[in-house]
Amino acid sequence: MRSCTLWIWLGLVLIIQGCAHATPQIAALQQQQSTDLKQRYYQAKTTAPDGTVLTFTVYQPNLTTTQTAPLIVHTHGFGLARMKHPNLSLYGFLLPTGQLAKTAWQNGYWVISYDQRGHGDSQGKIRLTDPEKEAQDVIHI
């Protein structure tokens, strides 16, 4: 039970940390653009410090040039993959966490849905409860 509580707290800290790092970047992007942002989603990838390619989908909400929006980081359960398309993926169509992420996006939130290392389109070896790698991946994304 104590271990479970620790993982819950770690997860919350990672989500909050991700929001803190993402807000200035999103605000900077919005200031550079002279037109409103239209709701869309697109595929992206990044390379972690250890060379592992991590893939994710960015869900961009409708925003005017003066608006900002919070960020939700969404991922999947063991053996599954990210919400790659809002209506054609298991998460976007059927599973509750994906439906919540999709609803948040439709209501003005940024959502990043990512494949954990070794899952979906991300490279690397699957790591089970390895905060050193998993936490760094979330921070990097």
C-alpha atoms as a PDB file:
ATOM      1  CA  MET A   1       0.000   0.000   0.000  1.00  0.00           C
ATOM      2  CA  ARG A   2       2.826   2.381   0.867  1.00  0.00           C
ATOM      3  CA  SER A   3       4.501   1.692  -2.495  1.00  0.00           C
ATOM      4  CA  CYS A   4       1.243   2.412  -4.340  1.00  0.00           C
ATOM      5  CA  THR A   5       0.874   5.742  -2.547  1.00  0.00           C
ATOM      6  CA  LEU A   6       4.443   6.656  -3.477  1.00  0.00           C
ATOM      7  CA  TRP A   7       3.746   5.972  -7.173  1.00  0.00           C
ATOM      8  CA  ILE A   8       0.558   8.028  -7.080  1.00  0.00           C
ATOM      9  CA  TRP A   9       2.448  10.995  -5.596  1.00  0.00           C
ATOM     10  CA  LEU A  10       5.260  10.556  -8.129  1.00  0.00           C
ATOM     11  CA  GLY A  11       2.727  10.582 -10.960  1.00  0.00           C
ATOM     12  CA  LEU A  12       1.096  13.767  -9.674  1.00  0.00           C
ATOM     13  CA  VAL A  13       4.468  15.477  -9.314  1.00  0.00           C
ATOM     14  CA  LEU A  14       5.378  14.522 -12.897  1.00  0.00           C
ATOM     15  CA  ILE A  15       2.116  15.891 -14.260  1.00  0.00           C
ATOM     16  CA  ILE A  16       2.509  19.156 -12.360  1.00  0.00           C
ATOM     17  CA  GLN A  17       6.174  19.398 -13.407  1.00  0.00           C
ATOM     18  CA  GLY A  18       5.192  18.849 -17.033  1.00  0.00           C
ATOM     19  CA  CYS A  19       2.602  21.615 -16.852  1.00  0.00           C
ATOM     20  CA  ALA A  20       5.116  24.013 -15.329  1.00  0.00           C
ATOM     21  CA  HIS A  21       7.621  23.378 -18.128  1.00  0.00           C
ATOM     22  CA  ALA A  22       5.064  23.466 -20.943  1.00  0.00           C
ATOM     23  CA  THR A  23       3.257  26.713 -20.148  1.00  0.00           C
ATOM     24  CA  PRO A  24       6.102  29.127 -21.125  1.00  0.00           C
ATOM     25  CA  GLN A  25       6.751  27.212 -24.355  1.00  0.00           C
ATOM     26  CA  ILE A  26       3.091  27.287 -25.363  1.00  0.00           C
ATOM     27  CA  ALA A  27       2.843  30.990 -24.505  1.00  0.00           C
ATOM     28  CA  ALA A  28       5.963  31.734 -26.582  1.00  0.00           C
ATOM     29  CA  LEU A  29       4.517  29.819 -29.530  1.00  0.00           C
ATOM     30  CA  GLN A  30       1.280  31.770 -29.301  1.00  0.00           C
ATOM     31  CA  GLN A  31       3.093  35.128 -29.217  1.00  0.00           C
ATOM     32  CA  GLN A  32       5.041  34.257 -32.373  1.00  0.00           C
ATOM     33  CA  GLN A  33       1.920  33.517 -34.384  1.00  0.00           C
ATOM     34  CA  SER A  34      -0.208  36.346 -35.708  1.00  0.00           C
ATOM     35  CA  THR A  35      -3.292  34.224 -36.372  1.00  0.00           C
ATOM     36  CA  ASP A  36      -5.558  32.185 -34.159  1.00  0.00           C
ATOM     37  CA  LEU A  37      -4.729  28.538 -33.538  1.00  0.00           C
ATOM     38  CA  LYS A  38      -7.277  26.152 -35.004  1.00  0.00           C
ATOM     39  CA  GLN A  39      -8.169  22.881 -33.352  1.00  0.00           C
ATOM     40  CA  ARG A  40      -6.078  20.089 -34.847  1.00  0.00           C
ATOM     41  CA  TYR A  41      -3.829  17.200 -33.915  1.00  0.00           C
ATOM     42  CA  TYR A  42      -0.489  16.104 -35.296  1.00  0.00           C
ATOM     43  CA  GLN A  43       2.148  13.415 -34.788  1.00  0.00           C
ATOM     44  CA  ALA A  44       5.566  14.310 -33.418  1.00  0.00           C
ATOM     45  CA  LYS A  45       8.679  12.692 -32.033  1.00  0.00           C
ATOM     46  CA  THR A  46      11.627  13.640 -29.903  1.00  0.00           C
ATOM     47  CA  THR A  47      14.899  12.010 -28.971  1.00  0.00           C
ATOM     48  CA  ALA A  48      15.511  11.391 -25.273  1.00  0.00           C
ATOM     49  CA  PRO A  49      18.960  12.160 -23.829  1.00  0.00           C
ATOM     50  CA  ASP A  50      19.905   8.458 -24.102  1.00  0.00           C
ATOM     51  CA  GLY A  51      19.099   8.435 -27.859  1.00  0.00           C
ATOM     52  CA  THR A  52      15.701   6.715 -27.614  1.00  0.00           C
ATOM     53  CA  VAL A  53      13.098   8.103 -30.035  1.00  0.00           C
ATOM     54  CA  LEU A  54       9.794   8.825 -28.273  1.00  0.00           C
ATOM     55  CA  THR A  55       6.604   9.472 -30.248  1.00  0.00           C
ATOM     56  CA  PHE A  56       3.595  11.500 -29.249  1.00  0.00           C
ATOM     57  CA  THR A  57       0.485  13.164 -30.609  1.00  0.00           C
ATOM     58  CA  VAL A  58      -0.166  16.844 -29.905  1.00  0.00           C
ATOM     59  CA  TYR A  59      -3.808  17.893 -29.647  1.00  0.00           C
ATOM     60  CA  GLN A  60      -3.994  21.641 -30.227  1.00  0.00           C
ATOM     61  CA  PRO A  61      -7.186  23.425 -29.087  1.00  0.00           C
ATOM     62  CA  ASN A  62      -8.911  26.392 -30.727  1.00  0.00           C
ATOM     63  CA  LEU A  63      -7.221  29.483 -29.281  1.00  0.00           C
ATOM     64  CA  THR A  64      -7.052  33.147 -30.137  1.00  0.00           C
ATOM     65  CA  THR A  65      -3.660  34.834 -30.164  1.00  0.00           C
ATOM     66  CA  THR A  66      -4.269  36.213 -26.665  1.00  0.00           C
ATOM     67  CA  GLN A  67      -5.435  32.964 -25.053  1.00  0.00           C
ATOM     68  CA  THR A  68      -3.418  30.383 -23.178  1.00  0.00           C
ATOM     69  CA  ALA A  69      -4.549  26.913 -22.174  1.00  0.00           C
ATOM     70  CA  PRO A  70      -3.439  24.245 -19.700  1.00  0.00           C
ATOM     71  CA  LEU A  71      -1.659  21.091 -20.823  1.00  0.00           C
ATOM     72  CA  ILE A  72      -2.691  17.517 -20.032  1.00  0.00           C
ATOM     73  CA  VAL A  73      -0.143  14.736 -20.533  1.00  0.00           C
ATOM     74  CA  HIS A  74      -1.882  11.462 -21.460  1.00  0.00           C
ATOM     75  CA  THR A  75      -0.351   8.028 -21.804  1.00  0.00           C
ATOM     76  CA  HIS A  76      -1.461   4.418 -22.006  1.00  0.00           C
ATOM     77  CA  GLY A  77      -1.551   1.238 -19.979  1.00  0.00           C
ATOM     78  CA  PHE A  78       0.899  -1.647 -20.344  1.00  0.00           C
ATOM     79  CA  GLY A  79       0.934  -3.191 -23.813  1.00  0.00           C
ATOM     80  CA  LEU A  80      -1.112  -0.443 -25.452  1.00  0.00           C
ATOM     81  CA  ALA A  81      -0.263   2.728 -27.379  1.00  0.00           C
ATOM     82  CA  ARG A  82      -1.058   6.448 -27.323  1.00  0.00           C
ATOM     83  CA  MET A  83      -4.216   8.135 -28.590  1.00  0.00           C
ATOM     84  CA  LYS A  84      -2.873   8.599 -32.116  1.00  0.00           C
ATOM     85  CA  HIS A  85      -6.209   9.698 -33.634  1.00  0.00           C
ATOM     86  CA  PRO A  86      -9.176  11.060 -31.664  1.00  0.00           C
ATOM     87  CA  ASN A  87     -11.763   8.755 -33.240  1.00  0.00           C
ATOM     88  CA  LEU A  88      -9.769   5.847 -34.656  1.00  0.00           C
ATOM     89  CA  SER A  89      -7.772   4.717 -31.639  1.00  0.00           C
ATOM     90  CA  LEU A  90      -8.744   2.513 -28.722  1.00  0.00           C
ATOM     91  CA  TYR A  91      -8.186   5.406 -26.310  1.00  0.00           C
ATOM     92  CA  GLY A  92     -10.035   8.025 -28.321  1.00  0.00           C
ATOM     93  CA  PHE A  93     -13.036   5.821 -28.993  1.00  0.00           C
ATOM     94  CA  LEU A  94     -13.472   3.350 -26.133  1.00  0.00           C
ATOM     95  CA  LEU A  95     -11.297   3.731 -23.034  1.00  0.00           C
ATOM     96  CA  PRO A  96     -12.341   6.265 -20.352  1.00  0.00           C
ATOM     97  CA  THR A  97      -8.949   7.967 -19.963  1.00  0.00           C
ATOM     98  CA  GLY A  98      -8.784   8.597 -23.692  1.00  0.00           C
ATOM     99  CA  GLN A  99     -12.340   9.866 -23.761  1.00  0.00           C
ATOM    100  CA  LEU A 100     -11.507  12.292 -20.929  1.00  0.00           C
ATOM    101  CA  ALA A 101      -8.378  13.495 -22.748  1.00  0.00           C
ATOM    102  CA  LYS A 102     -10.350  13.938 -25.969  1.00  0.00           C
ATOM    103  CA  THR A 103     -13.095  15.856 -24.143  1.00  0.00           C
ATOM    104  CA  ALA A 104     -10.491  18.107 -22.510  1.00  0.00           C
ATOM    105  CA  TRP A 105      -8.994  18.862 -25.942  1.00  0.00           C
ATOM    106  CA  GLN A 106     -12.426  19.667 -27.360  1.00  0.00           C
ATOM    107  CA  ASN A 107     -12.965  22.026 -24.407  1.00  0.00           C
ATOM    108  CA  GLY A 108      -9.803  24.070 -24.886  1.00  0.00           C
ATOM    109  CA  TYR A 109      -6.954  22.082 -23.301  1.00  0.00           C
ATOM    110  CA  TRP A 110      -3.695  21.143 -24.960  1.00  0.00           C
ATOM    111  CA  VAL A 111      -3.225  17.358 -24.768  1.00  0.00           C
ATOM    112  CA  ILE A 112      -0.058  15.410 -25.456  1.00  0.00           C
ATOM    113  CA  SER A 113      -0.639  11.666 -25.710  1.00  0.00           C
ATOM    114  CA  TYR A 114       2.648   9.777 -25.822  1.00  0.00           C
ATOM    115  CA  ASP A 115       3.914   6.239 -26.352  1.00  0.00           C
ATOM    116  CA  GLN A 116       6.039   5.100 -23.456  1.00  0.00           C
ATOM    117  CA  ARG A 117       9.406   3.662 -24.428  1.00  0.00           C
ATOM    118  CA  GLY A 118       9.068   0.220 -25.995  1.00  0.00           C
ATOM    119  CA  HIS A 119       5.363   0.728 -26.762  1.00  0.00           C
ATOM    120  CA  GLY A 120       3.535   1.856 -29.909  1.00  0.00           C
ATOM    121  CA  ASP A 121       5.830   3.831 -32.195  1.00  0.00           C
ATOM    122  CA  SER A 122       8.416   4.699 -29.526  1.00  0.00           C
ATOM    123  CA  GLN A 123      11.749   2.954 -29.529  1.00  0.00           C
ATOM    124  CA  GLY A 124      13.587   1.458 -26.606  1.00  0.00           C
ATOM    125  CA  LYS A 125      13.150  -1.265 -24.070  1.00  0.00           C
ATOM    126  CA  ILE A 126      10.033  -1.439 -21.904  1.00  0.00           C
ATOM    127  CA  ARG A 127      10.906  -0.398 -18.360  1.00  0.00           C
ATOM    128  CA  LEU A 128       8.614  -1.317 -15.497  1.00  0.00           C
ATOM    129  CA  THR A 129       8.364   1.235 -12.717  1.00  0.00           C
ATOM    130  CA  ASP A 130      11.706   2.828 -13.507  1.00  0.00           C
ATOM    131  CA  PRO A 131      11.296   6.435 -12.388  1.00  0.00           C
ATOM    132  CA  GLU A 132      14.750   7.366 -13.634  1.00  0.00           C
ATOM    133  CA  LYS A 133      13.817   6.655 -17.270  1.00  0.00           C
ATOM    134  CA  GLU A 134      10.038   7.164 -17.167  1.00  0.00           C
ATOM    135  CA  ALA A 135      10.200  10.482 -15.321  1.00  0.00           C
ATOM    136  CA  GLN A 136      12.933  11.782 -17.631  1.00  0.00           C
ATOM    137  CA  ASP A 137      10.871  10.776 -20.673  1.00  0.00           C
ATOM    138  CA  VAL A 138       7.850  12.762 -19.445  1.00  0.00           C
ATOM    139  CA  ILE A 139       9.981  15.787 -18.613  1.00  0.00           C
ATOM    140  CA  HIS A 140      11.672  15.597 -22.035  1.00  0.00           C
ATOM    141  CA  ILE A 141       8.373  15.396 -23.916  1.00  0.00           C
END
